[in-house]
Protein backbone atom coordinates (compact mmCIF):
# COMPACT_ATOMS: atom_id res chain seq x y z
CA MET A 1 0.01 -0.10 0.08
CA ALA A 2 1.55 3.72 -1.07
CA GLN A 3 2.96 5.47 1.94
CA GLN A 4 -0.57 7.32 3.91
CA LYS A 5 -0.71 10.88 4.12
CA ASP A 6 -0.73 12.08 7.99
CA VAL A 7 -4.51 13.78 8.92
CA SER A 8 -4.40 16.07 11.96
CA LEU A 9 -7.47 16.60 13.67
CA PHE A 10 -7.97 20.36 12.42
CA GLU A 11 -7.20 19.17 8.75
CA PHE A 12 -9.89 16.44 9.31
CA GLN A 13 -12.38 18.72 10.29
CA GLN A 14 -11.64 21.23 7.37
CA ARG A 15 -11.47 18.40 4.79
CA PHE A 16 -14.24 16.51 5.76
CA SER A 17 -16.86 19.35 6.91
CA SER A 18 -19.68 17.74 4.37
CA GLU A 19 -20.74 14.62 2.54
CA GLU A 20 -19.72 15.46 -0.86
CA ALA A 21 -16.16 16.28 0.29
CA CYS A 22 -16.31 12.61 2.05
CA GLN A 23 -17.95 11.12 -1.16
CA GLU A 24 -15.10 12.40 -3.26
CA HIS A 25 -12.24 11.36 -0.89
CA LEU A 26 -13.63 7.90 -0.70
CA PHE A 27 -14.16 7.79 -5.06
CA ASN A 28 -10.50 8.82 -5.10
CA MET A 29 -9.44 6.12 -2.72
CA ARG A 30 -11.37 3.53 -4.96
CA TRP A 31 -10.63 4.71 -8.20
CA ALA A 32 -7.38 6.34 -7.75
CA GLU A 33 -6.86 6.32 -11.59
CA GLY A 34 -9.75 7.90 -12.39
CA PHE A 35 -13.21 5.91 -12.61
CA GLU A 36 -13.31 2.80 -14.86
CA CYS A 37 -16.36 0.73 -15.67
CA PRO A 38 -16.45 -2.77 -13.95
CA ARG A 39 -18.43 -3.88 -16.86
CA CYS A 40 -16.94 -2.73 -20.07
CA GLY A 41 -13.93 -0.62 -18.70
CA CYS A 42 -15.06 2.93 -20.12
CA LYS A 43 -13.50 5.59 -18.18
CA GLU A 44 -16.60 8.23 -18.79
CA TYR A 45 -19.67 8.48 -16.74
CA TYR A 46 -22.51 10.24 -15.22
CA HIS A 47 -22.36 11.14 -11.23
CA ILE A 48 -25.90 9.91 -9.70
CA SER A 49 -25.57 12.03 -6.55
CA SER A 50 -28.48 11.23 -5.03
CA ARG A 51 -27.78 7.16 -4.81
CA ARG A 52 -23.79 7.39 -4.58
CA HIS A 53 -23.56 6.07 -8.12
CA TYR A 54 -21.63 6.25 -11.16
CA GLN A 55 -23.38 5.32 -14.51
CA CYS A 56 -20.79 4.43 -17.22
CA ARG A 57 -21.66 6.62 -20.58
CA ASP A 58 -21.09 3.47 -22.85
CA CYS A 59 -23.16 0.61 -21.59
CA ASN A 60 -25.09 2.49 -18.58
CA TYR A 61 -23.66 -0.07 -15.70
CA GLN A 62 -24.10 1.74 -12.35
CA ALA A 63 -21.35 1.25 -10.12
CA SER A 64 -22.05 1.93 -6.31
CA LEU A 65 -19.20 3.99 -4.41
CA THR A 66 -19.97 1.99 -1.40
CA ALA A 67 -20.27 -1.50 -2.74
CA GLY A 68 -17.67 -4.07 -1.98
CA THR A 69 -16.63 -2.08 1.38
CA ILE A 70 -17.80 -1.62 4.96
CA PHE A 71 -20.31 0.99 3.62
CA HIS A 72 -22.34 -1.00 1.34
CA LYS A 73 -26.00 -0.33 2.20
CA THR A 74 -25.51 1.98 4.86
CA ARG A 75 -28.26 4.44 6.17
CA THR A 76 -25.48 6.36 8.33
CA ALA A 77 -24.21 9.35 6.55
CA LEU A 78 -20.40 8.94 4.93
CA ARG A 79 -19.58 12.10 7.21
CA LYS A 80 -20.51 9.95 10.59
CA TRP A 81 -18.71 7.11 8.91
CA PHE A 82 -15.81 9.25 8.55
CA TRP A 83 -15.74 10.36 12.22
CA ALA A 84 -16.42 7.27 13.35
CA ILE A 85 -12.91 6.07 11.51
CA PHE A 86 -11.14 8.75 12.86
CA LEU A 87 -12.11 8.40 16.24
CA VAL A 88 -11.51 4.54 16.68
CA ALA A 89 -8.33 5.38 15.03
CA ASN A 90 -6.55 7.71 17.20
CA ASP A 91 -7.76 6.92 20.52
CA LYS A 92 -5.77 3.99 21.57
CA ARG A 93 -7.53 2.81 24.23
CA GLY A 94 -10.49 1.88 22.17
CA PHE A 95 -13.79 3.40 21.22
CA SER A 96 -16.63 1.87 22.72
CA ALA A 97 -20.46 1.91 21.29
CA LEU A 98 -21.89 4.33 24.02
CA SER A 99 -18.76 6.68 23.34
CA LEU A 100 -19.52 6.65 19.70
CA GLN A 101 -23.22 7.03 20.17
CA ASN A 102 -22.92 10.07 22.18
CA SER A 103 -19.71 11.45 20.01
CA ILE A 104 -21.36 11.13 16.33
CA ASP A 105 -25.17 11.26 17.38
CA VAL A 106 -26.49 7.73 16.44
CA SER A 107 -28.38 5.17 18.22
CA TYR A 108 -26.14 2.43 20.31
CA PRO A 109 -27.35 -0.33 18.02
CA THR A 110 -25.94 1.51 14.78
CA ALA A 111 -22.82 2.47 16.63
CA TRP A 112 -22.39 -1.07 17.74
CA LEU A 113 -22.74 -2.05 14.14
CA MET A 114 -20.41 0.63 13.08
CA LEU A 115 -17.67 -0.56 15.15
CA HIS A 116 -18.02 -4.25 14.55
CA LYS A 117 -17.85 -3.37 10.53
CA ILE A 118 -14.67 -1.29 11.54
CA ARG A 119 -13.27 -4.36 13.44
CA THR A 120 -13.97 -6.88 10.74
CA ALA A 121 -12.07 -4.61 8.32
CA MET A 122 -8.96 -4.41 10.89
CA SER A 123 -9.07 -8.16 11.29
CA ASP A 124 -9.25 -8.60 7.59
CA ARG A 125 -6.00 -6.41 7.07
CA ASP A 126 -4.11 -8.12 9.62
CA GLN A 127 -4.69 -11.60 8.12
CA LEU A 128 -2.23 -10.70 5.08
CA TYR A 129 0.80 -10.89 7.20
CA LYS A 130 2.40 -13.58 8.84
CA LEU A 131 4.60 -12.89 11.95
CA ALA A 132 8.41 -13.66 11.28
CA GLY A 133 11.78 -13.72 12.58
CA LEU A 134 12.11 -14.45 16.35
CA VAL A 135 8.58 -15.40 18.05
CA GLN A 136 7.74 -15.64 21.48
CA LEU A 137 4.34 -17.84 22.06
CA ASP A 138 2.20 -18.41 25.04
CA ASP A 139 -1.54 -19.25 25.56
CA ALA A 140 -3.85 -17.14 28.47
CA PHE A 141 -7.33 -17.10 29.49
CA PHE A 142 -9.69 -14.01 28.93
CA GLY A 143 -12.79 -13.26 30.62
CA GLY A 144 -14.14 -14.14 33.76
CA PRO A 145 -15.95 -11.86 36.69
CA ASN A 146 -13.93 -8.49 35.32
CA GLY A 147 -14.11 -9.75 31.76
CA PHE A 148 -17.44 -11.14 29.94
CA GLN A 149 -20.66 -10.47 30.34
CA GLY A 150 -24.06 -12.29 30.53
CA ARG A 151 -24.80 -15.93 30.36
CA GLY A 152 -21.64 -18.13 29.79
CA THR A 153 -19.29 -16.22 31.31
CA SER A 154 -16.30 -18.68 31.83
CA LYS A 155 -12.97 -17.42 30.73
CA LYS A 156 -12.12 -18.61 27.17
CA PRO A 157 -8.08 -19.74 26.05
CA VAL A 158 -6.05 -17.26 23.81
CA TYR A 159 -3.01 -17.98 21.81
CA VAL A 160 -0.72 -14.68 21.59
CA ALA A 161 2.33 -14.61 19.82
CA VAL A 162 4.78 -11.66 19.26
CA SER A 163 7.57 -11.20 17.00
CA THR A 164 10.60 -9.29 18.05
CA ASP A 165 13.91 -7.70 16.54
CA SER A 166 17.56 -8.91 17.34
CA GLU A 167 17.38 -6.73 20.30
CA GLY A 168 14.90 -7.92 21.96
CA LYS A 169 12.38 -5.48 20.94
CA PRO A 170 8.66 -6.40 20.19
CA LEU A 171 7.51 -5.72 16.31
CA TYR A 172 3.79 -7.19 15.55
CA VAL A 173 1.65 -9.67 17.61
CA LYS A 174 -1.15 -12.12 17.04
CA MET A 175 -4.11 -13.32 18.92
CA LYS A 176 -6.35 -16.28 18.75
CA ALA A 177 -9.32 -17.18 20.91
CA VAL A 178 -9.65 -20.95 20.70
CA ASP A 179 -12.41 -23.52 22.61
CA ARG A 180 -9.31 -25.48 24.04
CA VAL A 181 -5.15 -25.66 24.16
CA ASN A 182 -3.90 -28.57 22.79
CA LYS A 183 -1.55 -29.84 20.26
CA ALA A 184 -4.17 -29.41 16.86
CA THR A 185 -5.04 -25.52 17.89
CA ALA A 186 -1.35 -24.74 18.64
CA LEU A 187 -0.48 -25.85 15.39
CA GLU A 188 -3.23 -24.48 13.46
CA PHE A 189 -2.86 -20.97 15.13
CA ALA A 190 1.23 -21.24 14.72
CA ASN A 191 0.55 -21.96 10.78
CA GLN A 192 -2.05 -19.20 10.41
CA ALA A 193 -0.07 -16.66 12.23
CA ILE A 194 3.79 -17.45 11.81
CA SER A 195 6.14 -18.04 9.20
CA LYS A 196 8.17 -21.19 8.72
CA GLY A 197 11.59 -21.56 9.91
CA CYS A 198 10.85 -19.01 12.78
CA ALA A 199 12.48 -19.31 16.05
CA VAL A 200 9.44 -19.93 18.21
CA THR A 201 9.95 -19.69 22.34
CA THR A 202 7.39 -21.00 24.31
CA ASP A 203 7.09 -22.55 27.98
CA GLY A 204 6.76 -26.25 28.73
CA LEU A 205 3.38 -26.98 27.65
CA THR A 206 2.88 -30.24 25.98
CA ALA A 207 1.40 -28.64 23.05
CA TYR A 208 4.28 -26.82 21.59
CA PRO A 209 6.83 -29.57 21.21
CA GLN A 210 5.43 -30.61 17.74
CA LEU A 211 6.36 -27.35 16.37
CA LYS A 212 9.95 -28.46 15.59
CA SER A 213 8.57 -31.17 13.18
CA GLN A 214 6.35 -28.97 11.31
CA GLY A 215 9.24 -26.22 9.97
CA TYR A 216 9.88 -24.17 13.05
CA THR A 217 13.04 -23.89 15.36
CA HIS A 218 11.70 -24.34 18.84
CA GLU A 219 12.98 -23.48 22.05
CA ARG A 220 11.00 -24.56 25.38
CA VAL A 221 11.61 -22.57 28.59
CA LEU A 222 10.10 -23.72 31.86
CA SER A 223 7.87 -21.10 33.65
CA SER A 224 9.69 -21.67 36.89
CA SER A 225 13.44 -21.05 35.46
CA PRO A 226 15.07 -17.75 35.94
CA GLU A 227 15.22 -16.97 31.74
CA ALA A 228 11.67 -17.36 31.25
CA GLU A 229 10.84 -13.85 32.22
CA GLU A 230 13.24 -12.32 29.89
CA LYS A 231 12.39 -15.08 27.13
CA LEU A 232 8.96 -14.61 27.33
CA HIS A 233 8.59 -10.92 28.56
CA TRP A 234 6.88 -9.29 25.46
CA VAL A 235 4.19 -12.31 25.26
CA HIS A 236 3.08 -11.72 28.83
CA ALA A 237 3.34 -8.09 28.58
CA LEU A 238 1.31 -8.19 25.77
CA ILE A 239 -1.58 -10.52 27.19
CA SER A 240 -1.65 -8.29 30.13
CA ASN A 241 -1.96 -4.97 27.86
CA ALA A 242 -4.71 -6.81 25.82
CA LYS A 243 -6.83 -7.86 28.92
CA ALA A 244 -6.50 -4.15 30.41
CA PHE A 245 -7.61 -2.83 27.02
CA MET A 246 -10.73 -5.03 27.04
CA VAL A 247 -11.45 -4.30 30.63
CA GLY A 248 -10.78 -0.54 30.40
CA THR A 249 -12.47 0.20 27.60
CA PHE A 250 -15.48 -2.06 27.30
CA HIS A 251 -16.17 -3.00 31.06
CA GLY A 252 -17.37 -6.23 30.04
CA LEU A 253 -17.73 -8.05 26.39
CA ASP A 254 -19.63 -10.50 24.90
CA LYS A 255 -17.47 -13.82 24.61
CA SER A 256 -18.72 -14.62 20.92
CA HIS A 257 -17.23 -11.30 19.97
CA LEU A 258 -14.03 -11.87 21.64
CA GLN A 259 -11.81 -12.39 18.53
CA ALA A 260 -12.79 -8.91 17.24
CA TYR A 261 -11.66 -7.18 20.55
CA LEU A 262 -8.39 -9.26 19.87
CA ASP A 263 -8.02 -8.34 16.54
CA GLU A 264 -8.56 -4.43 17.17
CA PHE A 265 -5.78 -4.55 19.85
CA CYS A 266 -3.37 -6.25 17.63
CA TYR A 267 -4.31 -4.02 14.47
CA ARG A 268 -3.56 -1.03 17.05
CA PHE A 269 -0.50 -2.28 18.50
CA ASN A 270 0.80 -3.54 14.85
CA ARG A 271 0.49 -0.07 13.74
CA ARG A 272 1.76 2.20 16.71
CA LYS A 273 4.43 3.56 14.87
CA TRP A 274 2.34 5.24 12.37
CA ARG A 275 0.09 7.20 14.75
CA ASN A 276 -0.65 10.06 12.69
CA GLN A 277 -1.37 7.75 9.46
CA LEU A 278 -4.37 5.91 11.25
CA PHE A 279 -7.15 7.56 9.82
CA ASN A 280 -6.51 6.84 6.15
CA ARG A 281 -4.97 3.32 6.69
CA LEU A 282 -8.08 2.08 8.44
CA LEU A 283 -10.34 3.76 5.98
CA HIS A 284 -8.29 2.00 3.32
CA ALA A 285 -9.42 -1.00 5.09
CA CYS A 286 -12.56 -0.40 5.38
CA VAL A 287 -12.70 0.25 1.55
CA VAL A 288 -11.09 -3.02 0.55
CA GLY A 289 -12.28 -5.23 3.69
CA PRO A 290 -15.24 -7.64 3.53
CA THR A 291 -18.75 -6.56 4.01
CA VAL A 292 -20.82 -7.83 6.67
CA THR A 293 -24.27 -7.30 8.29
CA TYR A 294 -25.62 -7.56 11.69
CA ALA A 295 -27.71 -10.97 10.93
CA GLU A 296 -23.75 -12.34 10.47
CA LEU A 297 -22.10 -10.40 13.57
CA THR A 298 -25.22 -12.05 15.67
CA LEU A 299 -25.55 -15.63 14.46
């Protein structure tokens, strides 16, 4: 993806003060080289502003500005969507549905749906990459009295892996909620999240030694050993930070959506060095990411 331009709060307020400005920005992001009819390739069009459609002058095909994005068929103004994305992108603590409801003047169900659509885009973007190099891997349990709310509040196991540089500083993180911790789920997570050939450090859990025969270099560190804190420091720190992120912002969450919150935490951490670029990066993820409906989110 091309380098994204920094967007300050002041610039954001100036640039996206109208629905038309938001539509123009979205148009330029979707068709950076100019409009091209997806059916015949013609580059000339009529703009149907009342419907956010662009009609091909040649074959009369109507291309929707929001089709194929998380905004597809939305009844919410693009300006409110842009504000939601900006607020979510620039608040490292996360943004709750209640806070968004009050900030952009929408109903709570609308705010909840918007946030989950944005999280879906975050998740889809991070699935494009795998961890590489030196990796610390561990599992933890999320939830309980101060975590999940409602029925079925038992804790849920989560795999956490973080890559580090040669100096031991953290680079990127991946997290995956599972039903149980065993050899099968550990290997599945490793294959999804970690590049083959990586040097993976874990604790002494019996689910991990198989990694060595599956294309990884594996170092096993007993949790009770003096070196455990040093060699698993960052994975333990990120587990603690993720738990604080969820409890501090969301004050309890539905276990069925745990993965979405884990994905949001990972997305934010993995882009912590691009603070001022986060709006355009997240907007781009929302444009190219998958569409998701309320029915799909509440299955």
